[in-house]
Amino acid sequence: MIKEIDPSKLEYSKKFQNLCLHPFYGHPNGCPNYGKKQGCPPDAPLIDEILDLNKGVFLIFTEFNVGQFSERIRKSHPKWQSPRQWYNPRYWQPKARKIHREEERLALSEKSLELIVSNPEASGINISKLMADNGFHLRWDWPPAHILVNDEFLKNSVYLVSVGGFIR
């Protein structure tokens, strides 16, 4: 989905870049790219140093039904017993990213954008607020509960998020 957003409602600051330091499964010190990969904090510029917020900003996001994908993985690997195995990002991320890259290409051509920022959190954007402001509430529990009753697992979606606009 491609949606123009009000840049005055875009919340961003260095404090959101520091979320990269929060521990997560397998990474007790946060993201291993922090301070190492180009485009990652702490050296990454804030979004207002990248895009001209006065010329228009677009939210580009792709919903990926990771529950449906993980159910196929669960069925094809009957010895795997844990949602952590079924929802391993190594299996679903390549497909989700491919779909999202196509959405980004569409945004570039349809909206004549000059630049897509594919990791807006590295630019200090509060992704949770940005998505909530646009009607989507992100869940941060991982892996999500894989409930088979009434196909509840079909509610398990992830969102790939980018922002686009015009170079500052």
N, C-alpha and C. Protein backbone atom coordinates (compact mmCIF):
# COMPACT_ATOMS: atom_id res chain seq x y z
N MET A 1 0.85 -1.17 0.00
CA MET A 1 0.00 0.00 0.00
C MET A 1 0.90 1.24 0.00
N ILE A 2 0.48 2.22 -0.74
CA ILE A 2 1.20 3.49 -0.84
C ILE A 2 0.24 4.59 -0.40
N LYS A 3 0.67 5.37 0.59
CA LYS A 3 -0.24 6.37 1.14
C LYS A 3 0.54 7.64 1.49
N GLU A 4 0.06 8.78 1.02
CA GLU A 4 0.69 10.04 1.41
C GLU A 4 0.35 10.32 2.87
N ILE A 5 1.34 10.76 3.61
CA ILE A 5 1.13 11.03 5.04
C ILE A 5 1.45 12.48 5.34
N ASP A 6 0.88 12.95 6.43
CA ASP A 6 1.12 14.32 6.89
C ASP A 6 2.47 14.33 7.62
N PRO A 7 3.49 14.97 7.05
CA PRO A 7 4.80 14.95 7.69
C PRO A 7 4.84 15.60 9.07
N SER A 8 3.88 16.48 9.37
CA SER A 8 3.87 17.10 10.69
C SER A 8 3.50 16.09 11.78
N LYS A 9 2.90 14.98 11.39
CA LYS A 9 2.53 13.94 12.35
C LYS A 9 3.59 12.84 12.45
N LEU A 10 4.65 12.99 11.68
CA LEU A 10 5.73 12.00 11.67
C LEU A 10 6.60 12.20 12.90
N GLU A 11 6.60 11.23 13.79
CA GLU A 11 7.41 11.33 15.01
C GLU A 11 8.75 10.65 14.75
N TYR A 12 9.82 11.40 14.97
CA TYR A 12 11.15 10.85 14.76
C TYR A 12 12.14 11.54 15.69
N SER A 13 13.13 10.78 16.13
CA SER A 13 14.19 11.32 16.97
C SER A 13 15.26 10.24 17.17
N LYS A 14 16.38 10.66 17.73
CA LYS A 14 17.48 9.73 18.01
C LYS A 14 17.04 8.63 18.98
N LYS A 15 16.07 8.93 19.86
CA LYS A 15 15.68 7.92 20.85
C LYS A 15 15.10 6.68 20.16
N PHE A 16 14.46 6.85 19.00
CA PHE A 16 13.92 5.69 18.30
C PHE A 16 15.03 4.90 17.62
N GLN A 17 16.10 5.58 17.25
CA GLN A 17 17.25 4.86 16.70
C GLN A 17 17.85 3.94 17.77
N ASN A 18 17.77 4.37 19.02
CA ASN A 18 18.35 3.58 20.11
C ASN A 18 17.57 2.30 20.39
N LEU A 19 16.37 2.17 19.84
CA LEU A 19 15.64 0.91 20.01
C LEU A 19 16.41 -0.26 19.40
N CYS A 20 17.30 0.04 18.47
CA CYS A 20 18.12 -1.00 17.86
C CYS A 20 19.01 -1.69 18.90
N LEU A 21 19.22 -1.05 20.03
CA LEU A 21 20.06 -1.61 21.08
C LEU A 21 19.30 -2.54 22.02
N HIS A 22 17.99 -2.61 21.88
CA HIS A 22 17.19 -3.47 22.76
C HIS A 22 17.43 -4.94 22.42
N PRO A 23 17.61 -5.77 23.44
CA PRO A 23 17.84 -7.19 23.18
C PRO A 23 16.63 -7.87 22.54
N PHE A 24 16.91 -8.84 21.71
CA PHE A 24 15.86 -9.70 21.17
C PHE A 24 16.46 -11.09 20.99
N TYR A 25 15.63 -12.06 20.70
CA TYR A 25 16.03 -13.47 20.67
C TYR A 25 17.34 -13.67 19.89
N GLY A 26 18.31 -14.22 20.57
CA GLY A 26 19.59 -14.51 19.94
C GLY A 26 20.53 -13.33 19.85
N HIS A 27 20.08 -12.16 20.29
CA HIS A 27 20.89 -10.94 20.20
C HIS A 27 20.75 -10.15 21.51
N PRO A 28 21.46 -10.56 22.54
CA PRO A 28 21.31 -9.91 23.85
C PRO A 28 21.74 -8.44 23.87
N ASN A 29 22.52 -8.03 22.88
CA ASN A 29 22.98 -6.64 22.82
C ASN A 29 22.26 -5.84 21.74
N GLY A 30 21.15 -6.36 21.25
CA GLY A 30 20.42 -5.66 20.20
C GLY A 30 20.91 -6.04 18.82
N CYS A 31 20.57 -5.24 17.86
CA CYS A 31 20.88 -5.53 16.46
C CYS A 31 22.39 -5.57 16.24
N PRO A 32 22.88 -6.64 15.62
CA PRO A 32 24.32 -6.73 15.37
C PRO A 32 24.83 -5.71 14.34
N ASN A 33 23.93 -5.07 13.61
CA ASN A 33 24.33 -4.08 12.61
C ASN A 33 24.56 -2.69 13.21
N TYR A 34 24.11 -2.49 14.45
CA TYR A 34 24.22 -1.18 15.10
C TYR A 34 25.70 -0.76 15.16
N GLY A 35 25.98 0.40 14.58
CA GLY A 35 27.34 0.92 14.60
C GLY A 35 28.29 0.23 13.63
N LYS A 36 27.77 -0.69 12.81
CA LYS A 36 28.63 -1.44 11.90
C LYS A 36 28.21 -1.30 10.44
N LYS A 37 26.93 -1.37 10.18
CA LYS A 37 26.43 -1.36 8.81
C LYS A 37 26.10 0.06 8.37
N GLN A 38 26.49 0.39 7.14
CA GLN A 38 26.17 1.71 6.61
C GLN A 38 24.65 1.88 6.58
N GLY A 39 24.18 3.04 7.02
CA GLY A 39 22.75 3.32 7.07
C GLY A 39 22.10 2.96 8.38
N CYS A 40 22.89 2.37 9.29
CA CYS A 40 22.36 2.00 10.60
C CYS A 40 22.84 2.99 11.66
N PRO A 41 22.05 3.13 12.73
CA PRO A 41 22.47 3.99 13.84
C PRO A 41 23.78 3.46 14.43
N PRO A 42 24.49 4.29 15.13
CA PRO A 42 24.15 5.65 15.55
C PRO A 42 24.51 6.73 14.53
N ASP A 43 25.15 6.34 13.42
CA ASP A 43 25.59 7.33 12.44
C ASP A 43 24.54 7.65 11.38
N ALA A 44 23.44 6.93 11.37
CA ALA A 44 22.39 7.18 10.37
C ALA A 44 21.75 8.55 10.62
N PRO A 45 21.54 9.31 9.57
CA PRO A 45 20.88 10.61 9.75
C PRO A 45 19.39 10.44 10.03
N LEU A 46 18.81 11.41 10.69
CA LEU A 46 17.36 11.41 10.91
C LEU A 46 16.65 11.67 9.58
N ILE A 47 15.40 11.30 9.52
CA ILE A 47 14.63 11.37 8.27
C ILE A 47 14.59 12.78 7.68
N ASP A 48 14.56 13.80 8.53
CA ASP A 48 14.50 15.17 7.99
C ASP A 48 15.82 15.63 7.38
N GLU A 49 16.87 14.85 7.58
CA GLU A 49 18.15 15.12 6.93
C GLU A 49 18.28 14.37 5.61
N ILE A 50 17.33 13.48 5.34
CA ILE A 50 17.35 12.65 4.13
C ILE A 50 16.30 13.12 3.14
N LEU A 51 15.07 13.29 3.64
CA LEU A 51 13.95 13.69 2.78
C LEU A 51 13.54 15.12 3.09
N ASP A 52 13.09 15.81 2.06
CA ASP A 52 12.52 17.14 2.24
C ASP A 52 11.06 16.94 2.67
N LEU A 53 10.80 17.10 3.93
CA LEU A 53 9.47 16.82 4.48
C LEU A 53 8.42 17.81 3.99
N ASN A 54 8.84 18.90 3.38
CA ASN A 54 7.89 19.89 2.86
C ASN A 54 7.38 19.54 1.46
N LYS A 55 8.00 18.56 0.83
CA LYS A 55 7.61 18.20 -0.54
C LYS A 55 6.73 16.96 -0.61
N GLY A 56 6.37 16.41 0.53
CA GLY A 56 5.51 15.23 0.54
C GLY A 56 6.26 13.98 0.97
N VAL A 57 5.61 13.22 1.81
CA VAL A 57 6.17 11.97 2.32
C VAL A 57 5.12 10.88 2.13
N PHE A 58 5.58 9.72 1.73
CA PHE A 58 4.68 8.60 1.48
C PHE A 58 5.07 7.41 2.33
N LEU A 59 4.06 6.79 2.90
CA LEU A 59 4.20 5.53 3.63
C LEU A 59 4.01 4.42 2.61
N ILE A 60 4.95 3.50 2.58
CA ILE A 60 4.86 2.34 1.69
C ILE A 60 4.96 1.12 2.60
N PHE A 61 3.91 0.32 2.61
CA PHE A 61 3.98 -0.87 3.46
C PHE A 61 3.31 -2.05 2.80
N THR A 62 3.79 -3.21 3.19
CA THR A 62 3.30 -4.47 2.67
C THR A 62 2.90 -5.35 3.84
N GLU A 63 1.67 -5.81 3.82
CA GLU A 63 1.24 -6.78 4.83
C GLU A 63 1.56 -8.17 4.30
N PHE A 64 2.22 -8.97 5.12
CA PHE A 64 2.56 -10.33 4.74
C PHE A 64 1.96 -11.28 5.76
N ASN A 65 1.15 -12.22 5.29
CA ASN A 65 0.49 -13.16 6.19
C ASN A 65 1.48 -14.26 6.57
N VAL A 66 2.25 -13.98 7.61
CA VAL A 66 3.27 -14.90 8.07
C VAL A 66 2.65 -16.15 8.70
N GLY A 67 1.42 -16.03 9.20
CA GLY A 67 0.74 -17.19 9.78
C GLY A 67 0.44 -18.24 8.72
N GLN A 68 -0.07 -17.81 7.59
CA GLN A 68 -0.37 -18.72 6.49
C GLN A 68 0.91 -19.38 5.98
N PHE A 69 1.96 -18.58 5.81
CA PHE A 69 3.24 -19.10 5.36
C PHE A 69 3.79 -20.12 6.36
N SER A 70 3.72 -19.80 7.65
CA SER A 70 4.25 -20.68 8.69
C SER A 70 3.45 -21.97 8.81
N GLU A 71 2.17 -21.91 8.51
CA GLU A 71 1.36 -23.14 8.53
C GLU A 71 1.84 -24.10 7.44
N ARG A 72 2.19 -23.56 6.28
CA ARG A 72 2.74 -24.42 5.22
C ARG A 72 4.07 -25.04 5.67
N ILE A 73 4.89 -24.25 6.34
CA ILE A 73 6.17 -24.76 6.87
C ILE A 73 5.90 -25.86 7.89
N ARG A 74 4.94 -25.62 8.79
CA ARG A 74 4.62 -26.61 9.84
C ARG A 74 4.19 -27.93 9.21
N LYS A 75 3.35 -27.85 8.19
CA LYS A 75 2.85 -29.07 7.54
C LYS A 75 3.95 -29.79 6.75
N SER A 76 4.85 -29.03 6.18
CA SER A 76 5.89 -29.67 5.37
C SER A 76 7.07 -30.18 6.20
N HIS A 77 7.13 -29.80 7.48
CA HIS A 77 8.19 -30.27 8.38
C HIS A 77 7.55 -30.80 9.67
N PRO A 78 6.93 -31.97 9.61
CA PRO A 78 6.18 -32.49 10.77
C PRO A 78 7.04 -32.72 12.02
N LYS A 79 8.34 -32.84 11.88
CA LYS A 79 9.20 -33.04 13.06
C LYS A 79 9.47 -31.72 13.79
N TRP A 80 9.22 -30.61 13.14
CA TRP A 80 9.41 -29.33 13.80
C TRP A 80 8.20 -29.08 14.70
N GLN A 81 8.45 -28.84 15.96
CA GLN A 81 7.37 -28.75 16.94
C GLN A 81 7.11 -27.36 17.49
N SER A 82 7.94 -26.40 17.16
CA SER A 82 7.81 -25.11 17.83
C SER A 82 7.53 -23.97 16.86
N PRO A 83 6.68 -23.03 17.29
CA PRO A 83 6.44 -21.85 16.46
C PRO A 83 7.72 -21.09 16.12
N ARG A 84 8.72 -21.14 16.99
CA ARG A 84 9.98 -20.46 16.68
C ARG A 84 10.60 -21.04 15.41
N GLN A 85 10.42 -22.34 15.19
CA GLN A 85 10.91 -22.97 13.96
C GLN A 85 10.04 -22.58 12.77
N TRP A 86 8.73 -22.65 12.94
CA TRP A 86 7.81 -22.37 11.82
C TRP A 86 7.87 -20.92 11.38
N TYR A 87 8.10 -20.01 12.32
CA TYR A 87 8.09 -18.58 12.04
C TYR A 87 9.50 -18.00 11.85
N ASN A 88 10.48 -18.85 11.65
CA ASN A 88 11.85 -18.39 11.48
C ASN A 88 11.92 -17.43 10.29
N PRO A 89 12.39 -16.20 10.51
CA PRO A 89 12.43 -15.21 9.42
C PRO A 89 13.25 -15.65 8.21
N ARG A 90 14.17 -16.57 8.39
CA ARG A 90 14.96 -17.04 7.25
C ARG A 90 14.09 -17.64 6.15
N TYR A 91 12.94 -18.14 6.54
CA TYR A 91 12.08 -18.80 5.56
C TYR A 91 11.11 -17.82 4.89
N TRP A 92 10.53 -16.91 5.65
CA TRP A 92 9.50 -16.04 5.08
C TRP A 92 10.00 -14.68 4.61
N GLN A 93 11.10 -14.18 5.19
CA GLN A 93 11.55 -12.83 4.83
C GLN A 93 11.90 -12.65 3.35
N PRO A 94 12.58 -13.59 2.70
CA PRO A 94 12.88 -13.36 1.28
C PRO A 94 11.63 -13.13 0.43
N LYS A 95 10.60 -13.91 0.66
CA LYS A 95 9.36 -13.73 -0.11
C LYS A 95 8.70 -12.39 0.23
N ALA A 96 8.62 -12.08 1.52
CA ALA A 96 8.00 -10.82 1.94
C ALA A 96 8.77 -9.62 1.40
N ARG A 97 10.09 -9.69 1.44
CA ARG A 97 10.90 -8.58 0.94
C ARG A 97 10.75 -8.41 -0.57
N LYS A 98 10.63 -9.51 -1.28
CA LYS A 98 10.43 -9.43 -2.74
C LYS A 98 9.12 -8.70 -3.05
N ILE A 99 8.07 -9.04 -2.34
CA ILE A 99 6.77 -8.38 -2.54
C ILE A 99 6.88 -6.89 -2.20
N HIS A 100 7.57 -6.59 -1.09
CA HIS A 100 7.70 -5.20 -0.66
C HIS A 100 8.54 -4.38 -1.65
N ARG A 101 9.61 -4.96 -2.18
CA ARG A 101 10.42 -4.25 -3.17
C ARG A 101 9.58 -3.87 -4.39
N GLU A 102 8.66 -4.74 -4.77
CA GLU A 102 7.77 -4.42 -5.89
C GLU A 102 6.87 -3.23 -5.54
N GLU A 103 6.39 -3.19 -4.31
CA GLU A 103 5.57 -2.06 -3.85
C GLU A 103 6.39 -0.77 -3.85
N GLU A 104 7.66 -0.87 -3.45
CA GLU A 104 8.53 0.30 -3.48
C GLU A 104 8.75 0.79 -4.92
N ARG A 105 8.97 -0.14 -5.86
CA ARG A 105 9.14 0.23 -7.27
C ARG A 105 7.89 0.93 -7.80
N LEU A 106 6.74 0.41 -7.40
CA LEU A 106 5.47 1.01 -7.81
C LEU A 106 5.36 2.45 -7.28
N ALA A 107 5.75 2.65 -6.03
CA ALA A 107 5.70 3.99 -5.42
C ALA A 107 6.62 4.95 -6.16
N LEU A 108 7.80 4.50 -6.52
CA LEU A 108 8.74 5.35 -7.26
C LEU A 108 8.14 5.81 -8.58
N SER A 109 7.52 4.89 -9.29
CA SER A 109 6.98 5.24 -10.62
C SER A 109 5.66 5.99 -10.53
N GLU A 110 4.73 5.54 -9.69
CA GLU A 110 3.41 6.17 -9.62
C GLU A 110 3.43 7.56 -8.99
N LYS A 111 4.29 7.75 -8.01
CA LYS A 111 4.32 9.02 -7.27
C LYS A 111 5.52 9.88 -7.66
N SER A 112 6.32 9.40 -8.61
CA SER A 112 7.52 10.12 -9.07
C SER A 112 8.45 10.46 -7.91
N LEU A 113 8.58 9.55 -6.97
CA LEU A 113 9.44 9.78 -5.81
C LEU A 113 10.90 9.72 -6.22
N GLU A 114 11.72 10.43 -5.48
CA GLU A 114 13.16 10.44 -5.75
C GLU A 114 13.91 9.42 -4.90
N LEU A 115 13.35 9.08 -3.74
CA LEU A 115 14.09 8.22 -2.82
C LEU A 115 13.13 7.42 -1.95
N ILE A 116 13.49 6.16 -1.73
CA ILE A 116 12.79 5.30 -0.78
C ILE A 116 13.75 5.01 0.37
N VAL A 117 13.29 5.20 1.58
CA VAL A 117 14.06 4.84 2.78
C VAL A 117 13.50 3.51 3.26
N SER A 118 14.27 2.45 3.02
CA SER A 118 13.78 1.09 3.30
C SER A 118 13.90 0.68 4.76
N ASN A 119 14.65 1.42 5.54
CA ASN A 119 14.75 1.13 6.97
C ASN A 119 14.46 2.40 7.77
N PRO A 120 13.20 2.83 7.75
CA PRO A 120 12.86 4.11 8.38
C PRO A 120 13.13 4.16 9.88
N GLU A 121 13.15 3.02 10.54
CA GLU A 121 13.46 3.02 11.97
C GLU A 121 14.90 3.48 12.20
N ALA A 122 15.79 3.17 11.26
CA ALA A 122 17.18 3.62 11.37
C ALA A 122 17.28 5.14 11.22
N SER A 123 16.29 5.73 10.58
CA SER A 123 16.23 7.19 10.42
C SER A 123 15.46 7.85 11.56
N GLY A 124 15.20 7.08 12.61
CA GLY A 124 14.60 7.63 13.82
C GLY A 124 13.08 7.70 13.83
N ILE A 125 12.42 7.10 12.84
CA ILE A 125 10.96 7.17 12.79
C ILE A 125 10.34 6.18 13.76
N ASN A 126 9.34 6.64 14.49
CA ASN A 126 8.57 5.78 15.39
C ASN A 126 7.59 4.99 14.52
N ILE A 127 7.98 3.79 14.16
CA ILE A 127 7.19 2.95 13.25
C ILE A 127 5.86 2.55 13.87
N SER A 128 5.85 2.26 15.15
CA SER A 128 4.59 1.86 15.81
C SER A 128 3.56 2.97 15.70
N LYS A 129 3.96 4.20 15.99
CA LYS A 129 3.03 5.33 15.91
C LYS A 129 2.63 5.60 14.46
N LEU A 130 3.58 5.55 13.56
CA LEU A 130 3.28 5.79 12.15
C LEU A 130 2.22 4.82 11.64
N MET A 131 2.38 3.55 11.96
CA MET A 131 1.41 2.55 11.51
C MET A 131 0.08 2.70 12.24
N ALA A 132 0.12 2.98 13.55
CA ALA A 132 -1.12 3.18 14.31
C ALA A 132 -1.90 4.38 13.77
N ASP A 133 -1.19 5.44 13.43
CA ASP A 133 -1.85 6.63 12.86
C ASP A 133 -2.55 6.31 11.54
N ASN A 134 -2.13 5.23 10.92
CA ASN A 134 -2.70 4.83 9.64
C ASN A 134 -3.57 3.58 9.75
N GLY A 135 -3.97 3.26 11.00
CA GLY A 135 -4.95 2.21 11.23
C GLY A 135 -4.41 0.81 11.41
N PHE A 136 -3.10 0.67 11.62
CA PHE A 136 -2.51 -0.66 11.76
C PHE A 136 -1.72 -0.72 13.06
N HIS A 137 -2.12 -1.62 13.94
CA HIS A 137 -1.45 -1.75 15.23
C HIS A 137 -0.49 -2.93 15.16
N LEU A 138 0.77 -2.63 15.34
CA LEU A 138 1.80 -3.66 15.24
C LEU A 138 1.87 -4.47 16.52
N ARG A 139 2.11 -5.76 16.35
CA ARG A 139 2.32 -6.66 17.49
C ARG A 139 3.80 -6.97 17.55
N TRP A 140 4.35 -6.91 18.75
CA TRP A 140 5.78 -7.12 18.89
C TRP A 140 6.12 -8.46 19.53
N ASP A 141 5.10 -9.27 19.86
CA ASP A 141 5.39 -10.59 20.41
C ASP A 141 5.90 -11.49 19.28
N TRP A 142 6.96 -12.24 19.56
CA TRP A 142 7.52 -13.09 18.52
C TRP A 142 8.09 -14.35 19.14
N PRO A 143 7.80 -15.50 18.57
CA PRO A 143 6.87 -15.67 17.46
C PRO A 143 5.44 -15.53 17.95
N PRO A 144 4.53 -15.22 17.06
CA PRO A 144 3.13 -15.12 17.48
C PRO A 144 2.56 -16.49 17.81
N ALA A 145 1.49 -16.51 18.57
CA ALA A 145 0.83 -17.78 18.88
C ALA A 145 0.28 -18.37 17.59
N HIS A 146 0.54 -19.65 17.38
CA HIS A 146 0.06 -20.32 16.16
C HIS A 146 -1.12 -21.20 16.56
N ILE A 147 -2.30 -20.59 16.57
CA ILE A 147 -3.52 -21.26 17.04
C ILE A 147 -4.25 -21.85 15.84
N LEU A 148 -4.42 -23.17 15.87
CA LEU A 148 -5.06 -23.86 14.75
C LEU A 148 -6.58 -23.76 14.79
N VAL A 149 -7.15 -23.64 16.00
CA VAL A 149 -8.61 -23.57 16.14
C VAL A 149 -9.13 -22.38 15.34
N ASN A 150 -10.12 -22.65 14.50
CA ASN A 150 -10.74 -21.62 13.66
C ASN A 150 -9.73 -20.86 12.79
N ASP A 151 -8.61 -21.51 12.49
CA ASP A 151 -7.58 -20.89 11.65
C ASP A 151 -7.14 -19.53 12.18
N GLU A 152 -7.03 -19.41 13.50
CA GLU A 152 -6.62 -18.15 14.12
C GLU A 152 -5.24 -17.69 13.63
N PHE A 153 -4.40 -18.64 13.24
CA PHE A 153 -3.06 -18.30 12.78
C PHE A 153 -3.09 -17.37 11.56
N LEU A 154 -4.22 -17.35 10.84
CA LEU A 154 -4.34 -16.49 9.67
C LEU A 154 -4.34 -15.00 10.03
N LYS A 155 -4.50 -14.70 11.32
CA LYS A 155 -4.46 -13.31 11.78
C LYS A 155 -3.03 -12.83 12.01
N ASN A 156 -2.07 -13.74 11.87
CA ASN A 156 -0.67 -13.40 12.13
C ASN A 156 -0.03 -12.77 10.90
N SER A 157 0.04 -11.46 10.91
CA SER A 157 0.65 -10.73 9.81
C SER A 157 1.83 -9.91 10.31
N VAL A 158 2.75 -9.67 9.41
CA VAL A 158 3.85 -8.74 9.66
C VAL A 158 3.75 -7.64 8.60
N TYR A 159 4.35 -6.52 8.89
CA TYR A 159 4.34 -5.39 7.96
C TYR A 159 5.76 -4.98 7.64
N LEU A 160 6.06 -4.88 6.38
CA LEU A 160 7.32 -4.32 5.94
C LEU A 160 7.03 -2.86 5.60
N VAL A 161 7.84 -1.96 6.15
CA VAL A 161 7.52 -0.53 6.08
C VAL A 161 8.70 0.26 5.51
N SER A 162 8.38 1.13 4.58
CA SER A 162 9.34 2.09 4.02
C SER A 162 8.66 3.45 3.96
N VAL A 163 9.46 4.48 3.80
CA VAL A 163 8.91 5.80 3.50
C VAL A 163 9.62 6.33 2.26
N GLY A 164 8.90 7.12 1.52
CA GLY A 164 9.47 7.68 0.30
C GLY A 164 9.19 9.16 0.21
N GLY A 165 9.96 9.81 -0.60
CA GLY A 165 9.75 11.24 -0.79
C GLY A 165 10.78 11.81 -1.74
N PHE A 166 11.16 13.05 -1.43
CA PHE A 166 12.03 13.81 -2.31
C PHE A 166 13.29 14.20 -1.55
N ILE A 167 14.40 14.09 -2.22
CA ILE A 167 15.70 14.29 -1.58
C ILE A 167 15.83 15.72 -1.05
N ARG A 168 16.36 15.80 0.14
CA ARG A 168 16.58 17.09 0.80
C ARG A 168 17.75 17.80 0.16
